[in-house]
Structure formats: C-alpha cells, structure tokens
Amino acid sequence: MSPTNSNRLFSRLQSYITLSINPNQFNDNREEIILRRKNERNYASAICSMFAIATLVVSLFDYRWFWLNGGLCNLKYIGLNMFFSMGTLYVIQTPVPWDSSAPMNDIYQFTPNNYMELIGCIDRRSFIILRLIITFICFAIISSTIGFLLDALGPMKYSLKFMRRHAFWYILSVFLCVIVIGLCFYVSELIYDIQDKTRLKIGKKIEVQFDIAYYLLVISNVLLLFAIAFALLRKYPTHDEEDFERLIDNSSTREQSLFIERSLPASISITPNNNEPPPDYYSDEDFLVL
C-alpha cells in the first residue's frame, strides 16, 4: 500500500471514530438552525396580523356595510355577504311617485337566494363593484395570512426572509384595503343616486352611511400598519454579520472535533516515519577488527 493511500485510510478511520464518539454533532447543528429560525421570528408583527385577519374575515361576512334611509330600497342594511352567490339581477320599470309625466325609472331587483330580495338598492355598476370589493378583501386575507406564517415560522430561505423583513405581504394587504375603502366611497355615492331618484316623497331626506363592517375594515388596516411597523423597525443582523456568526460557529465546531481527536488513545501509525534516522552502517573493516 502506498503512503498516500495509507494516509487517506488512516484519516477516514480517525474521522469515523470521531463521529462515533460524538453522535450529538448533528443534533447540535440542528439545534443551531432552530435557534437561528427562532431569532428570525417576529411575534409582535404576527400577533397584529392575526387580529387583522380575524377582523377582515368578520367584516367580510357581516351584513352591515351600508345603512340606507329614505329611498325605495326595501332593506336598511346592505352587506357583502348578500353578493356571495351568483343570484339574479333584472330590471323593472316603475313610474315616479310625485310626477306621473316623468319617464319611467329603471329599478334593479336582485335575488341572491329564495329567502332574500333587494329591490331598488343597487344597479349594475354597484353590483360589479361590490363583487370586486369581495375579491380584494379575499386577496388581502390571503396575503396577510402568508405574512403571518412567515413571521410565526421564521424560514431561513433568502427570498422568504427578504419578504418577511421588508413586510412585503403586509404592504400588499394595506394597498388592497386602501383600494377597498376607495371603492366603498364610490359605491356609497352610487347607492345614494339610486335612492335619490327613487325617493318616495319630494324633500324627504336620503341617507347612506357606512356601518360596522366598514369600520372593521379600517381597524384591520390600522392593525396591518402596526404589523408593518414592527417588521420594519426591528433590527436584524446584516448579511456580513450573519456570515461572520456562521464562520464563528463553524470554527467552534471544528475546534470541538479536534479536541475530541486529541483525547483519543494513541494509535499505531501504519505509515513510515520519514524523520527516523537510518540504521548504523558497519563496514567490513569493523567486522575484521571484531
């Protein structure tokens, strides 16, 4: 066996003995990963996003979005839960109550199910926008849930860590909620115009106001802003600092393995020692003298 192969075999045997004596080395690395992931978690931001998600879900299923008074609408409240189903939207024409010579009014009638009917409450434009509001709120719930999972689990992958530290999903949720708030103002104006055209008496006051579900949406938006603040204001180690900590951990692990190798019993070397002096040389004259 050549000296090179002997050295390689000896180093493999030595590393195998070291790993067999130190079986907790793999567990130490696993605990190190768990500790790093725990340090990356942001519980304050996760708690704010959790309450924001719950508030968004409650507002989505609440029926008190708009409060109506003084118009032809047969309901006091209009909510988004009335527009989950496809339903049927059709137009009926009715005369103006206080002016028989005026042209006929187009009254939209929407039946989401067999137990509910909206008469003179919405038109085609407001119907489409209300469906769009439902879609945006669902997207906001999904994006907030993704942000919550990233804050609660603390993954170490670079792309996920970048999105978590910069609150990407929370910012997207706030952007969607702001769009929903703007669409709610626009829908309230459309509903007010419908009620104004179909008022029962001249001079009767028409009222269209936001109700509890709308304010729940605003509260969830504020909670998401707090989640963004907790995510952006938290101090994280830089990339260079993370590399330095990883280098220190690797060096400490290597020193621990070298310490275990030194504590092993002395083994017999199977390679020739090049520093050993050669045997004494005896000439023929020495033998003759003897």
C-alpha atoms as a PDB file:
ATOM      1  CA  MET A   1       0.000   0.000   0.000  1.00  0.00           C
ATOM      2  CA  SER A   2       1.410   3.384  -0.963  1.00  0.00           C
ATOM      3  CA  PRO A   3       1.974   6.077   1.687  1.00  0.00           C
ATOM      4  CA  THR A   4      -0.734   8.314   0.156  1.00  0.00           C
ATOM      5  CA  ASN A   5      -3.410   5.628   0.343  1.00  0.00           C
ATOM      6  CA  SER A   6      -2.305   4.743   3.874  1.00  0.00           C
ATOM      7  CA  ASN A   7      -2.707   8.364   4.986  1.00  0.00           C
ATOM      8  CA  ARG A   8      -6.147   8.564   3.389  1.00  0.00           C
ATOM      9  CA  LEU A   9      -7.288   5.346   5.040  1.00  0.00           C
ATOM     10  CA  PHE A  10      -5.987   6.469   8.404  1.00  0.00           C
ATOM     11  CA  SER A  11      -7.758   9.853   8.158  1.00  0.00           C
ATOM     12  CA  ARG A  12     -11.054   8.139   7.286  1.00  0.00           C
ATOM     13  CA  LEU A  13     -10.750   5.780  10.216  1.00  0.00           C
ATOM     14  CA  GLN A  14      -9.966   8.669  12.521  1.00  0.00           C
ATOM     15  CA  SER A  15     -12.968  10.723  11.318  1.00  0.00           C
ATOM     16  CA  TYR A  16     -15.237   7.681  11.710  1.00  0.00           C
ATOM     17  CA  ILE A  17     -14.042   7.158  15.288  1.00  0.00           C
ATOM     18  CA  THR A  18     -14.591  10.871  15.994  1.00  0.00           C
ATOM     19  CA  LEU A  19     -18.174  10.812  14.713  1.00  0.00           C
ATOM     20  CA  SER A  20     -18.916   7.622  16.609  1.00  0.00           C
ATOM     21  CA  ILE A  21     -17.676   9.175  19.834  1.00  0.00           C
ATOM     22  CA  ASN A  22     -19.523  12.491  19.141  1.00  0.00           C
ATOM     23  CA  PRO A  23     -23.008  11.435  17.941  1.00  0.00           C
ATOM     24  CA  ASN A  24     -24.521  14.737  19.104  1.00  0.00           C
ATOM     25  CA  GLN A  25     -22.719  16.810  16.482  1.00  0.00           C
ATOM     26  CA  PHE A  26     -25.613  16.502  14.030  1.00  0.00           C
ATOM     27  CA  ASN A  27     -28.073  17.362  16.788  1.00  0.00           C
ATOM     28  CA  ASP A  28     -26.003  20.429  17.670  1.00  0.00           C
ATOM     29  CA  ASN A  29     -26.240  21.657  14.074  1.00  0.00           C
ATOM     30  CA  ARG A  30     -29.974  21.039  14.090  1.00  0.00           C
ATOM     31  CA  GLU A  31     -30.368  22.966  17.333  1.00  0.00           C
ATOM     32  CA  GLU A  32     -28.348  25.795  15.832  1.00  0.00           C
ATOM     33  CA  ILE A  33     -30.720  26.005  12.852  1.00  0.00           C
ATOM     34  CA  ILE A  34     -33.737  26.000  15.167  1.00  0.00           C
ATOM     35  CA  LEU A  35     -32.170  28.766  17.268  1.00  0.00           C
ATOM     36  CA  ARG A  36     -31.487  30.910  14.201  1.00  0.00           C
ATOM     37  CA  ARG A  37     -35.046  30.403  12.992  1.00  0.00           C
ATOM     38  CA  LYS A  38     -36.383  31.356  16.414  1.00  0.00           C
ATOM     39  CA  ASN A  39     -34.373  34.571  16.338  1.00  0.00           C
ATOM     40  CA  GLU A  40     -35.879  35.388  12.937  1.00  0.00           C
ATOM     41  CA  ARG A  41     -39.461  35.118  14.195  1.00  0.00           C
ATOM     42  CA  ASN A  42     -41.385  38.337  14.795  1.00  0.00           C
ATOM     43  CA  TYR A  43     -44.103  37.647  17.324  1.00  0.00           C
ATOM     44  CA  ALA A  44     -45.311  41.251  17.647  1.00  0.00           C
ATOM     45  CA  SER A  45     -45.933  41.541  13.934  1.00  0.00           C
ATOM     46  CA  ALA A  46     -47.555  38.100  13.846  1.00  0.00           C
ATOM     47  CA  ILE A  47     -49.996  38.995  16.634  1.00  0.00           C
ATOM     48  CA  CYS A  48     -51.060  42.212  14.881  1.00  0.00           C
ATOM     49  CA  SER A  49     -51.558  40.399  11.595  1.00  0.00           C
ATOM     50  CA  MET A  50     -53.526  37.630  13.314  1.00  0.00           C
ATOM     51  CA  PHE A  51     -56.040  40.133  14.712  1.00  0.00           C
ATOM     52  CA  ALA A  52     -56.137  41.925  11.352  1.00  0.00           C
ATOM     53  CA  ILE A  53     -57.010  38.679   9.554  1.00  0.00           C
ATOM     54  CA  ALA A  54     -59.777  37.923  12.051  1.00  0.00           C
ATOM     55  CA  THR A  55     -61.191  41.440  11.648  1.00  0.00           C
ATOM     56  CA  LEU A  56     -61.143  41.160   7.852  1.00  0.00           C
ATOM     57  CA  VAL A  57     -62.991  37.847   7.940  1.00  0.00           C
ATOM     58  CA  VAL A  58     -65.647  39.229  10.300  1.00  0.00           C
ATOM     59  CA  SER A  59     -66.164  42.324   8.147  1.00  0.00           C
ATOM     60  CA  LEU A  60     -66.460  40.196   5.027  1.00  0.00           C
ATOM     61  CA  PHE A  61     -69.303  38.109   6.455  1.00  0.00           C
ATOM     62  CA  ASP A  62     -71.085  40.929   8.276  1.00  0.00           C
ATOM     63  CA  TYR A  63     -74.265  42.258   6.642  1.00  0.00           C
ATOM     64  CA  ARG A  64     -73.919  45.839   7.995  1.00  0.00           C
ATOM     65  CA  TRP A  65     -71.769  47.619   5.441  1.00  0.00           C
ATOM     66  CA  PHE A  66     -74.140  50.383   4.299  1.00  0.00           C
ATOM     67  CA  TRP A  67     -77.105  51.870   6.169  1.00  0.00           C
ATOM     68  CA  LEU A  68     -79.899  53.272   3.973  1.00  0.00           C
ATOM     69  CA  ASN A  69     -82.857  55.510   4.789  1.00  0.00           C
ATOM     70  CA  GLY A  70     -85.388  57.496   2.766  1.00  0.00           C
ATOM     71  CA  GLY A  71     -85.252  55.696  -0.580  1.00  0.00           C
ATOM     72  CA  LEU A  72     -87.059  52.887  -2.339  1.00  0.00           C
ATOM     73  CA  CYS A  73     -84.715  50.149  -1.078  1.00  0.00           C
ATOM     74  CA  ASN A  74     -86.605  47.551   0.929  1.00  0.00           C
ATOM     75  CA  LEU A  75     -83.632  46.876   3.257  1.00  0.00           C
ATOM     76  CA  LYS A  76     -81.995  49.002   5.913  1.00  0.00           C
ATOM     77  CA  TYR A  77     -78.596  47.348   5.551  1.00  0.00           C
ATOM     78  CA  ILE A  78     -76.572  46.197   2.555  1.00  0.00           C
ATOM     79  CA  GLY A  79     -73.702  43.791   3.206  1.00  0.00           C
ATOM     80  CA  LEU A  80     -71.138  41.941   1.148  1.00  0.00           C
ATOM     81  CA  ASN A  81     -72.446  38.555   2.266  1.00  0.00           C
ATOM     82  CA  MET A  82     -75.540  39.202   0.140  1.00  0.00           C
ATOM     83  CA  PHE A  83     -73.415  39.025  -3.019  1.00  0.00           C
ATOM     84  CA  PHE A  84     -71.505  35.785  -2.430  1.00  0.00           C
ATOM     85  CA  SER A  85     -73.928  33.778  -4.551  1.00  0.00           C
ATOM     86  CA  MET A  86     -74.497  34.394  -8.236  1.00  0.00           C
ATOM     87  CA  GLY A  87     -78.159  35.354  -7.822  1.00  0.00           C
ATOM     88  CA  THR A  88     -80.323  37.034 -10.436  1.00  0.00           C
ATOM     89  CA  LEU A  89     -80.248  40.721 -11.376  1.00  0.00           C
ATOM     90  CA  TYR A  90     -83.018  42.082 -13.560  1.00  0.00           C
ATOM     91  CA  VAL A  91     -84.686  45.448 -14.266  1.00  0.00           C
ATOM     92  CA  ILE A  92     -88.250  46.541 -13.660  1.00  0.00           C
ATOM     93  CA  GLN A  93     -89.703  49.910 -14.689  1.00  0.00           C
ATOM     94  CA  THR A  94     -91.775  51.944 -12.244  1.00  0.00           C
ATOM     95  CA  PRO A  95     -93.316  55.452 -12.530  1.00  0.00           C
ATOM     96  CA  VAL A  96     -92.081  58.389 -10.497  1.00  0.00           C
ATOM     97  CA  PRO A  97     -94.418  58.691  -7.476  1.00  0.00           C
ATOM     98  CA  TRP A  98     -94.640  62.505  -7.426  1.00  0.00           C
ATOM     99  CA  ASP A  99     -94.509  63.150 -11.207  1.00  0.00           C
ATOM    100  CA  SER A 100     -96.599  60.970 -13.489  1.00  0.00           C
ATOM    101  CA  SER A 101     -95.336  62.778 -16.589  1.00  0.00           C
ATOM    102  CA  ALA A 102     -91.682  61.906 -15.864  1.00  0.00           C
ATOM    103  CA  PRO A 103     -90.075  58.984 -17.683  1.00  0.00           C
ATOM    104  CA  MET A 104     -90.126  55.577 -16.042  1.00  0.00           C
ATOM    105  CA  ASN A 105     -87.438  54.660 -13.537  1.00  0.00           C
ATOM    106  CA  ASP A 106     -85.294  51.585 -14.076  1.00  0.00           C
ATOM    107  CA  ILE A 107     -85.388  49.692 -10.800  1.00  0.00           C
ATOM    108  CA  TYR A 108     -82.900  46.864 -10.382  1.00  0.00           C
ATOM    109  CA  GLN A 109     -84.017  43.842  -8.433  1.00  0.00           C
ATOM    110  CA  PHE A 110     -81.502  41.335  -7.138  1.00  0.00           C
ATOM    111  CA  THR A 111     -82.401  37.962  -5.615  1.00  0.00           C
ATOM    112  CA  PRO A 112     -79.340  36.200  -4.106  1.00  0.00           C
ATOM    113  CA  ASN A 113     -81.433  33.279  -2.845  1.00  0.00           C
ATOM    114  CA  ASN A 114     -85.011  32.219  -2.245  1.00  0.00           C
ATOM    115  CA  TYR A 115     -85.168  33.986   1.133  1.00  0.00           C
ATOM    116  CA  MET A 116     -83.844  37.443   0.248  1.00  0.00           C
ATOM    117  CA  GLU A 117     -84.625  40.098  -2.323  1.00  0.00           C
ATOM    118  CA  LEU A 118     -83.127  43.560  -2.909  1.00  0.00           C
ATOM    119  CA  ILE A 119     -85.463  45.977  -4.685  1.00  0.00           C
ATOM    120  CA  GLY A 120     -84.230  49.417  -5.687  1.00  0.00           C
ATOM    121  CA  CYS A 121     -80.999  49.107  -3.680  1.00  0.00           C
ATOM    122  CA  ILE A 122     -78.273  48.691  -6.291  1.00  0.00           C
ATOM    123  CA  ASP A 123     -77.711  48.919 -10.035  1.00  0.00           C
ATOM    124  CA  ARG A 124     -75.413  47.078 -12.412  1.00  0.00           C
ATOM    125  CA  ARG A 125     -72.341  49.202 -11.691  1.00  0.00           C
ATOM    126  CA  SER A 126     -72.648  48.981  -7.919  1.00  0.00           C
ATOM    127  CA  PHE A 127     -73.278  45.243  -8.232  1.00  0.00           C
ATOM    128  CA  ILE A 128     -69.987  44.730 -10.117  1.00  0.00           C
ATOM    129  CA  ILE A 129     -68.030  46.941  -7.714  1.00  0.00           C
ATOM    130  CA  LEU A 130     -69.392  45.105  -4.668  1.00  0.00           C
ATOM    131  CA  ARG A 131     -68.208  41.829  -6.190  1.00  0.00           C
ATOM    132  CA  LEU A 132     -64.838  43.452  -6.822  1.00  0.00           C
ATOM    133  CA  ILE A 133     -64.652  44.540  -3.171  1.00  0.00           C
ATOM    134  CA  ILE A 134     -65.228  40.930  -2.095  1.00  0.00           C
ATOM    135  CA  THR A 135     -62.372  39.787  -4.348  1.00  0.00           C
ATOM    136  CA  PHE A 136     -59.942  42.380  -2.999  1.00  0.00           C
ATOM    137  CA  ILE A 137     -60.774  41.539   0.614  1.00  0.00           C
ATOM    138  CA  CYS A 138     -60.157  37.840  -0.078  1.00  0.00           C
ATOM    139  CA  PHE A 139     -56.774  38.698  -1.611  1.00  0.00           C
ATOM    140  CA  ALA A 140     -55.961  40.845   1.438  1.00  0.00           C
ATOM    141  CA  ILE A 141     -56.820  37.945   3.757  1.00  0.00           C
ATOM    142  CA  ILE A 142     -54.594  35.582   1.763  1.00  0.00           C
ATOM    143  CA  SER A 143     -51.630  37.968   1.677  1.00  0.00           C
ATOM    144  CA  SER A 144     -51.979  38.741   5.392  1.00  0.00           C
ATOM    145  CA  THR A 145     -52.077  35.021   6.158  1.00  0.00           C
ATOM    146  CA  ILE A 146     -48.851  34.477   4.206  1.00  0.00           C
ATOM    147  CA  GLY A 147     -47.197  37.301   6.133  1.00  0.00           C
ATOM    148  CA  PHE A 148     -48.430  35.836   9.420  1.00  0.00           C
ATOM    149  CA  LEU A 149     -46.972  32.413   8.590  1.00  0.00           C
ATOM    150  CA  LEU A 150     -43.619  33.954   7.668  1.00  0.00           C
ATOM    151  CA  ASP A 151     -43.479  35.860  10.955  1.00  0.00           C
ATOM    152  CA  ALA A 152     -44.610  32.894  13.031  1.00  0.00           C
ATOM    153  CA  LEU A 153     -42.349  30.265  11.430  1.00  0.00           C
ATOM    154  CA  GLY A 154     -39.295  32.372  10.547  1.00  0.00           C
ATOM    155  CA  PRO A 155     -37.987  30.500   7.465  1.00  0.00           C
ATOM    156  CA  MET A 156     -34.288  30.952   6.658  1.00  0.00           C
ATOM    157  CA  LYS A 157     -34.521  30.905   2.866  1.00  0.00           C
ATOM    158  CA  TYR A 158     -33.250  34.170   1.406  1.00  0.00           C
ATOM    159  CA  SER A 159     -36.339  35.072  -0.641  1.00  0.00           C
ATOM    160  CA  LEU A 160     -38.768  34.345   2.208  1.00  0.00           C
ATOM    161  CA  LYS A 161     -36.539  36.121   4.703  1.00  0.00           C
ATOM    162  CA  PHE A 162     -36.362  39.180   2.441  1.00  0.00           C
ATOM    163  CA  MET A 163     -40.164  39.353   2.110  1.00  0.00           C
ATOM    164  CA  ARG A 164     -40.623  38.927   5.865  1.00  0.00           C
ATOM    165  CA  ARG A 165     -38.079  41.550   6.897  1.00  0.00           C
ATOM    166  CA  HIS A 166     -39.489  44.111   4.422  1.00  0.00           C
ATOM    167  CA  ALA A 167     -43.159  43.308   5.245  1.00  0.00           C
ATOM    168  CA  PHE A 168     -43.964  42.684   1.587  1.00  0.00           C
ATOM    169  CA  TRP A 169     -47.231  40.819   2.165  1.00  0.00           C
ATOM    170  CA  TYR A 170     -48.487  43.270   4.780  1.00  0.00           C
ATOM    171  CA  ILE A 171     -47.825  46.214   2.487  1.00  0.00           C
ATOM    172  CA  LEU A 172     -49.752  44.430  -0.261  1.00  0.00           C
ATOM    173  CA  SER A 173     -52.659  43.849   2.138  1.00  0.00           C
ATOM    174  CA  VAL A 174     -52.726  47.521   3.152  1.00  0.00           C
ATOM    175  CA  PHE A 175     -52.693  48.532  -0.504  1.00  0.00           C
ATOM    176  CA  LEU A 176     -55.675  46.250  -1.186  1.00  0.00           C
ATOM    177  CA  CYS A 177     -57.552  47.589   1.847  1.00  0.00           C
ATOM    178  CA  VAL A 178     -56.996  51.175   0.715  1.00  0.00           C
ATOM    179  CA  ILE A 179     -58.445  50.252  -2.684  1.00  0.00           C
ATOM    180  CA  VAL A 180     -61.459  48.681  -0.943  1.00  0.00           C
ATOM    181  CA  ILE A 181     -62.012  51.839   1.125  1.00  0.00           C
ATOM    182  CA  GLY A 182     -61.986  53.956  -2.031  1.00  0.00           C
ATOM    183  CA  LEU A 183     -64.411  51.595  -3.768  1.00  0.00           C
ATOM    184  CA  CYS A 184     -66.729  51.766  -0.739  1.00  0.00           C
ATOM    185  CA  PHE A 185     -66.926  55.548  -1.081  1.00  0.00           C
ATOM    186  CA  TYR A 186     -67.722  55.180  -4.764  1.00  0.00           C
ATOM    187  CA  VAL A 187     -70.430  52.555  -4.117  1.00  0.00           C
ATOM    188  CA  SER A 188     -71.995  54.748  -1.438  1.00  0.00           C
ATOM    189  CA  GLU A 189     -72.319  57.556  -3.991  1.00  0.00           C
ATOM    190  CA  LEU A 190     -73.925  55.202  -6.498  1.00  0.00           C
ATOM    191  CA  ILE A 191     -76.400  53.911  -3.909  1.00  0.00           C
ATOM    192  CA  TYR A 192     -77.202  57.477  -2.882  1.00  0.00           C
ATOM    193  CA  ASP A 193     -78.006  58.408  -6.503  1.00  0.00           C
ATOM    194  CA  ILE A 194     -80.284  55.380  -6.801  1.00  0.00           C
ATOM    195  CA  GLN A 195     -82.147  56.300  -3.606  1.00  0.00           C
ATOM    196  CA  ASP A 196     -82.375  59.934  -4.673  1.00  0.00           C
ATOM    197  CA  LYS A 197     -84.036  59.011  -7.965  1.00  0.00           C
ATOM    198  CA  THR A 198     -86.491  56.667  -6.267  1.00  0.00           C
ATOM    199  CA  ARG A 199     -87.374  58.730  -3.195  1.00  0.00           C
ATOM    200  CA  LEU A 200     -90.973  58.278  -2.093  1.00  0.00           C
ATOM    201  CA  LYS A 201     -91.681  61.951  -1.339  1.00  0.00           C
ATOM    202  CA  ILE A 202     -90.284  65.245  -2.568  1.00  0.00           C
ATOM    203  CA  GLY A 203     -87.978  66.752   0.021  1.00  0.00           C
ATOM    204  CA  LYS A 204     -87.547  63.539   2.005  1.00  0.00           C
ATOM    205  CA  LYS A 205     -84.034  63.180   3.373  1.00  0.00           C
ATOM    206  CA  ILE A 206     -81.913  60.465   1.790  1.00  0.00           C
ATOM    207  CA  GLU A 207     -79.205  58.906   3.945  1.00  0.00           C
ATOM    208  CA  VAL A 208     -76.491  56.407   3.022  1.00  0.00           C
ATOM    209  CA  GLN A 209     -73.930  55.797   5.750  1.00  0.00           C
ATOM    210  CA  PHE A 210     -71.156  53.347   6.494  1.00  0.00           C
ATOM    211  CA  ASP A 211     -71.797  50.854   9.246  1.00  0.00           C
ATOM    212  CA  ILE A 212     -69.907  48.410  11.499  1.00  0.00           C
ATOM    213  CA  ALA A 213     -68.343  46.194   8.815  1.00  0.00           C
ATOM    214  CA  TYR A 214     -66.742  49.177   7.087  1.00  0.00           C
ATOM    215  CA  TYR A 215     -65.154  50.345  10.340  1.00  0.00           C
ATOM    216  CA  LEU A 216     -63.910  46.817  10.982  1.00  0.00           C
ATOM    217  CA  LEU A 217     -62.099  47.083   7.652  1.00  0.00           C
ATOM    218  CA  VAL A 218     -60.495  50.347   8.786  1.00  0.00           C
ATOM    219  CA  ILE A 219     -59.436  48.739  12.095  1.00  0.00           C
ATOM    220  CA  SER A 220     -57.837  45.811  10.257  1.00  0.00           C
ATOM    221  CA  ASN A 221     -55.951  48.272   8.070  1.00  0.00           C
ATOM    222  CA  VAL A 222     -54.592  50.009  11.186  1.00  0.00           C
ATOM    223  CA  LEU A 223     -53.518  46.649  12.642  1.00  0.00           C
ATOM    224  CA  LEU A 224     -51.689  45.826   9.431  1.00  0.00           C
ATOM    225  CA  LEU A 225     -49.890  49.172   9.653  1.00  0.00           C
ATOM    226  CA  PHE A 226     -48.720  48.200  13.149  1.00  0.00           C
ATOM    227  CA  ALA A 227     -47.532  44.858  11.766  1.00  0.00           C
ATOM    228  CA  ILE A 228     -45.558  46.690   9.082  1.00  0.00           C
ATOM    229  CA  ALA A 229     -44.012  48.972  11.695  1.00  0.00           C
ATOM    230  CA  PHE A 230     -42.957  46.049  13.899  1.00  0.00           C
ATOM    231  CA  ALA A 231     -41.451  44.284  10.883  1.00  0.00           C
ATOM    232  CA  LEU A 232     -39.536  47.266   9.513  1.00  0.00           C
ATOM    233  CA  LEU A 233     -38.339  48.749  12.810  1.00  0.00           C
ATOM    234  CA  ARG A 234     -36.924  45.504  14.148  1.00  0.00           C
ATOM    235  CA  LYS A 235     -33.132  45.365  13.912  1.00  0.00           C
ATOM    236  CA  TYR A 236     -31.875  42.350  12.004  1.00  0.00           C
ATOM    237  CA  PRO A 237     -28.220  41.342  11.506  1.00  0.00           C
ATOM    238  CA  THR A 238     -26.710  42.299   8.180  1.00  0.00           C
ATOM    239  CA  HIS A 239     -25.549  39.766   5.619  1.00  0.00           C
ATOM    240  CA  ASP A 240     -21.903  40.255   6.627  1.00  0.00           C
ATOM    241  CA  GLU A 241     -22.742  39.793  10.302  1.00  0.00           C
ATOM    242  CA  GLU A 242     -24.620  36.579   9.539  1.00  0.00           C
ATOM    243  CA  ASP A 243     -21.628  35.252   7.581  1.00  0.00           C
ATOM    244  CA  PHE A 244     -19.309  36.149  10.450  1.00  0.00           C
ATOM    245  CA  GLU A 245     -21.533  34.383  13.011  1.00  0.00           C
ATOM    246  CA  ARG A 246     -21.731  31.327  10.778  1.00  0.00           C
ATOM    247  CA  LEU A 247     -17.920  31.326  10.460  1.00  0.00           C
ATOM    248  CA  ILE A 248     -17.508  31.534  14.232  1.00  0.00           C
ATOM    249  CA  ASP A 249     -19.941  28.659  14.750  1.00  0.00           C
ATOM    250  CA  ASN A 250     -18.142  26.503  12.186  1.00  0.00           C
ATOM    251  CA  SER A 251     -14.761  27.211  13.757  1.00  0.00           C
ATOM    252  CA  SER A 252     -16.051  26.358  17.235  1.00  0.00           C
ATOM    253  CA  THR A 253     -17.495  23.102  15.918  1.00  0.00           C
ATOM    254  CA  ARG A 254     -14.165  22.269  14.261  1.00  0.00           C
ATOM    255  CA  GLU A 255     -12.237  23.016  17.450  1.00  0.00           C
ATOM    256  CA  GLN A 256     -14.580  20.742  19.377  1.00  0.00           C
ATOM    257  CA  SER A 257     -13.919  17.861  16.971  1.00  0.00           C
ATOM    258  CA  LEU A 258     -10.153  18.449  17.149  1.00  0.00           C
ATOM    259  CA  PHE A 259     -10.323  18.377  20.948  1.00  0.00           C
ATOM    260  CA  ILE A 260     -12.087  15.012  20.793  1.00  0.00           C
ATOM    261  CA  GLU A 261      -9.467  13.694  18.367  1.00  0.00           C
ATOM    262  CA  ARG A 262      -6.670  14.714  20.748  1.00  0.00           C
ATOM    263  CA  SER A 263      -8.407  12.949  23.599  1.00  0.00           C
ATOM    264  CA  LEU A 264      -8.410   9.641  21.700  1.00  0.00           C
ATOM    265  CA  PRO A 265      -5.892   6.948  22.747  1.00  0.00           C
ATOM    266  CA  ALA A 266      -2.668   6.888  20.816  1.00  0.00           C
ATOM    267  CA  SER A 267      -2.873   4.733  17.712  1.00  0.00           C
ATOM    268  CA  ILE A 268      -0.149   2.883  15.965  1.00  0.00           C
ATOM    269  CA  SER A 269       0.868   4.602  12.796  1.00  0.00           C
ATOM    270  CA  ILE A 270       0.922   2.421   9.726  1.00  0.00           C
ATOM    271  CA  THR A 271       2.932   4.866   7.661  1.00  0.00           C
ATOM    272  CA  PRO A 272       6.704   5.018   7.631  1.00  0.00           C
ATOM    273  CA  ASN A 273       8.253   7.782   9.696  1.00  0.00           C
ATOM    274  CA  ASN A 274      10.499   9.866   7.460  1.00  0.00           C
ATOM    275  CA  ASN A 275      12.199  11.559  10.410  1.00  0.00           C
ATOM    276  CA  GLU A 276      13.529   8.296  11.853  1.00  0.00           C
ATOM    277  CA  PRO A 277      17.344   8.143  11.475  1.00  0.00           C
ATOM    278  CA  PRO A 278      18.764   5.350   9.280  1.00  0.00           C
ATOM    279  CA  PRO A 279      20.388   2.303  10.936  1.00  0.00           C
ATOM    280  CA  ASP A 280      24.080   2.372  11.737  1.00  0.00           C
ATOM    281  CA  TYR A 281      26.399   1.438   8.936  1.00  0.00           C
ATOM    282  CA  TYR A 282      29.011  -1.249   9.599  1.00  0.00           C
ATOM    283  CA  SER A 283      31.865  -1.709   7.179  1.00  0.00           C
ATOM    284  CA  ASP A 284      33.937  -4.845   6.539  1.00  0.00           C
ATOM    285  CA  GLU A 285      36.844  -3.453   8.489  1.00  0.00           C
ATOM    286  CA  ASP A 286      34.730  -3.293  11.623  1.00  0.00           C
ATOM    287  CA  PHE A 287      33.850  -6.948  11.284  1.00  0.00           C
ATOM    288  CA  LEU A 288      37.530  -7.804  10.765  1.00  0.00           C
ATOM    289  CA  VAL A 289      38.508  -5.942  13.888  1.00  0.00           C
ATOM    290  CA  LEU A 290      35.949  -7.884  15.849  1.00  0.00           C
END
